[in-house]
Protein backbone atom coordinates (compact mmCIF):
# COMPACT_ATOMS: atom_id res chain seq x y z
CA UNK A 1 0.05 -0.10 -0.01
CA UNK A 2 2.65 2.48 0.72
CA UNK A 3 3.93 1.86 -2.93
CA UNK A 4 1.10 3.02 -4.50
CA UNK A 5 1.08 5.83 -1.94
CA UNK A 6 4.46 6.51 -3.18
CA UNK A 7 3.52 6.37 -6.54
CA UNK A 8 1.32 8.59 -6.79
CA UNK A 9 2.45 11.12 -5.09
CA UNK A 10 5.99 10.49 -7.51
CA UNK A 11 2.87 11.22 -10.29
CA UNK A 12 1.53 14.87 -8.77
CA UNK A 13 5.49 15.57 -8.20
CA UNK A 14 6.48 14.58 -11.43
CA UNK A 15 2.79 16.39 -12.91
CA UNK A 16 4.58 19.88 -10.99
CA UNK A 17 7.97 19.29 -13.27
CA UNK A 18 6.79 18.58 -16.19
CA UNK A 19 4.15 21.93 -16.54
CA UNK A 20 7.26 23.45 -15.52
CA UNK A 21 9.36 22.05 -18.21
CA UNK A 22 6.92 22.74 -21.11
CA UNK A 23 6.34 25.55 -19.68
CA UNK A 24 9.88 26.59 -20.42
CA UNK A 25 9.88 24.79 -24.30
CA UNK A 26 6.76 26.29 -25.52
CA UNK A 27 8.82 30.00 -24.30
CA UNK A 28 11.94 28.89 -25.97
CA UNK A 29 10.07 26.77 -29.27
CA UNK A 30 6.26 28.35 -29.63
CA UNK A 31 4.55 25.96 -29.66
CA UNK A 32 4.14 21.82 -29.40
CA UNK A 33 0.64 20.51 -31.24
CA UNK A 34 2.37 19.98 -34.54
CA UNK A 35 5.11 17.22 -35.45
CA UNK A 36 7.62 17.74 -35.24
CA UNK A 37 7.90 19.87 -32.02
CA UNK A 38 5.83 17.70 -30.43
CA UNK A 39 8.40 14.50 -30.65
CA UNK A 40 11.08 16.96 -29.24
CA UNK A 41 8.63 18.07 -26.42
CA UNK A 42 8.18 14.18 -25.18
CA UNK A 43 11.58 13.36 -25.50
CA UNK A 44 12.28 16.14 -23.77
CA UNK A 45 9.97 15.39 -21.25
CA UNK A 46 11.40 11.71 -21.38
CA UNK A 47 14.74 13.29 -20.46
CA UNK A 48 14.23 15.56 -18.19
CA UNK A 49 12.20 13.00 -15.65
CA UNK A 50 15.13 10.60 -16.28
CA UNK A 51 17.21 13.62 -15.30
CA UNK A 52 15.39 13.93 -11.77
CA UNK A 53 14.66 9.93 -10.82
CA UNK A 54 18.60 9.70 -11.63
CA UNK A 55 19.96 11.95 -9.45
CA UNK A 56 17.06 10.97 -6.91
CA UNK A 57 17.79 7.33 -7.00
CA UNK A 58 21.22 8.14 -6.63
CA UNK A 59 20.38 9.75 -3.77
CA UNK A 60 18.71 6.77 -2.01
CA UNK A 61 15.00 8.17 -2.30
CA UNK A 62 12.66 10.52 -3.85
CA UNK A 63 10.88 13.12 -1.96
CA UNK A 64 7.53 10.94 -2.29
CA UNK A 65 9.89 7.78 -1.35
CA UNK A 66 11.43 9.76 2.34
CA UNK A 67 7.83 10.83 3.18
CA UNK A 68 6.48 6.98 2.83
CA UNK A 69 9.58 5.39 4.27
CA UNK A 70 10.77 4.14 0.87
CA UNK A 71 14.51 2.99 0.14
CA UNK A 72 16.38 2.39 -3.06
CA UNK A 73 19.40 0.26 -2.58
CA UNK A 74 21.87 -1.60 -4.39
CA UNK A 75 21.22 -5.13 -4.34
CA UNK A 76 24.26 -5.64 -2.27
CA UNK A 77 22.48 -3.81 0.42
CA UNK A 78 25.16 -0.34 -0.23
CA UNK A 79 24.25 2.74 -1.94
CA UNK A 80 22.41 3.21 -5.88
CA UNK A 81 25.43 4.45 -7.74
CA UNK A 82 24.23 7.11 -10.56
CA UNK A 83 25.17 4.69 -13.06
CA UNK A 84 22.67 1.75 -11.44
CA UNK A 85 19.84 4.47 -11.44
CA UNK A 86 20.19 5.85 -14.95
CA UNK A 87 20.39 1.57 -16.05
CA UNK A 88 16.62 1.55 -13.91
CA UNK A 89 15.20 4.12 -15.75
CA UNK A 90 15.87 2.95 -18.90
CA UNK A 91 14.80 -0.24 -17.67
CA UNK A 92 11.72 1.30 -16.46
CA UNK A 93 10.88 3.17 -19.42
CA UNK A 94 11.37 0.27 -21.59
CA UNK A 95 9.67 -2.18 -18.82
CA UNK A 96 6.07 0.85 -19.53
CA UNK A 97 6.14 0.78 -23.03
CA UNK A 98 5.50 -2.95 -22.64
CA UNK A 99 2.40 -2.65 -20.88
CA UNK A 100 3.72 -2.51 -17.71
CA UNK A 101 5.43 -5.62 -18.76
CA UNK A 102 8.71 -4.81 -16.02
CA UNK A 103 6.31 -3.96 -13.63
CA UNK A 104 4.15 -7.36 -13.18
CA UNK A 105 7.02 -9.31 -13.54
CA UNK A 106 7.84 -8.70 -9.64
CA UNK A 107 4.40 -11.07 -9.58
CA UNK A 108 6.72 -13.81 -10.58
CA UNK A 109 10.06 -13.40 -9.34
CA UNK A 110 10.92 -15.12 -6.21
CA UNK A 111 12.42 -11.88 -4.60
CA UNK A 112 9.36 -9.91 -5.56
CA UNK A 113 11.53 -7.19 -7.53
CA UNK A 114 10.35 -5.18 -10.98
CA UNK A 115 12.29 -6.29 -13.58
CA UNK A 116 14.16 -3.08 -13.53
CA UNK A 117 15.14 -3.83 -9.56
CA UNK A 118 16.56 -7.04 -11.40
CA UNK A 119 18.14 -5.95 -14.18
CA UNK A 120 20.20 -2.52 -12.34
CA UNK A 121 20.51 -4.51 -9.46
CA UNK A 122 18.81 -2.09 -7.44
CA UNK A 123 15.93 -2.72 -4.74
CA UNK A 124 13.46 -1.52 -3.03
CA UNK A 125 13.64 -1.26 1.00
CA UNK A 126 10.68 -0.66 3.48
CA UNK A 127 12.03 0.50 6.74
CA UNK A 128 9.79 0.49 9.66
CA UNK A 129 8.50 4.05 11.74
């Protein structure tokens, strides 16, 4: 339940970040309703989200993860490196593109890890209150 609550909170923060990033994009390019500007905006927002998540994950948690006492750790229990965080983002993006298959993987995984966590060598740790 904490994971779902954190995910909802994360979506709200990401939405706010996207509003600001889109505003800056529109200021620079004037519009994003037709190709190729629409595709540039989509790529730009994907990169912005990647920077946000990779930076936060390499420090162990995002703000919603901190609020819900969830921490991202390396599979060996140590801190997550920036390269691991970037790989986790890339694998999670691929899992989303495949209709969420990377997230459904946790139902079959023996350790209940998401596929992107398994491939990036990371795991979520739930802290007690």
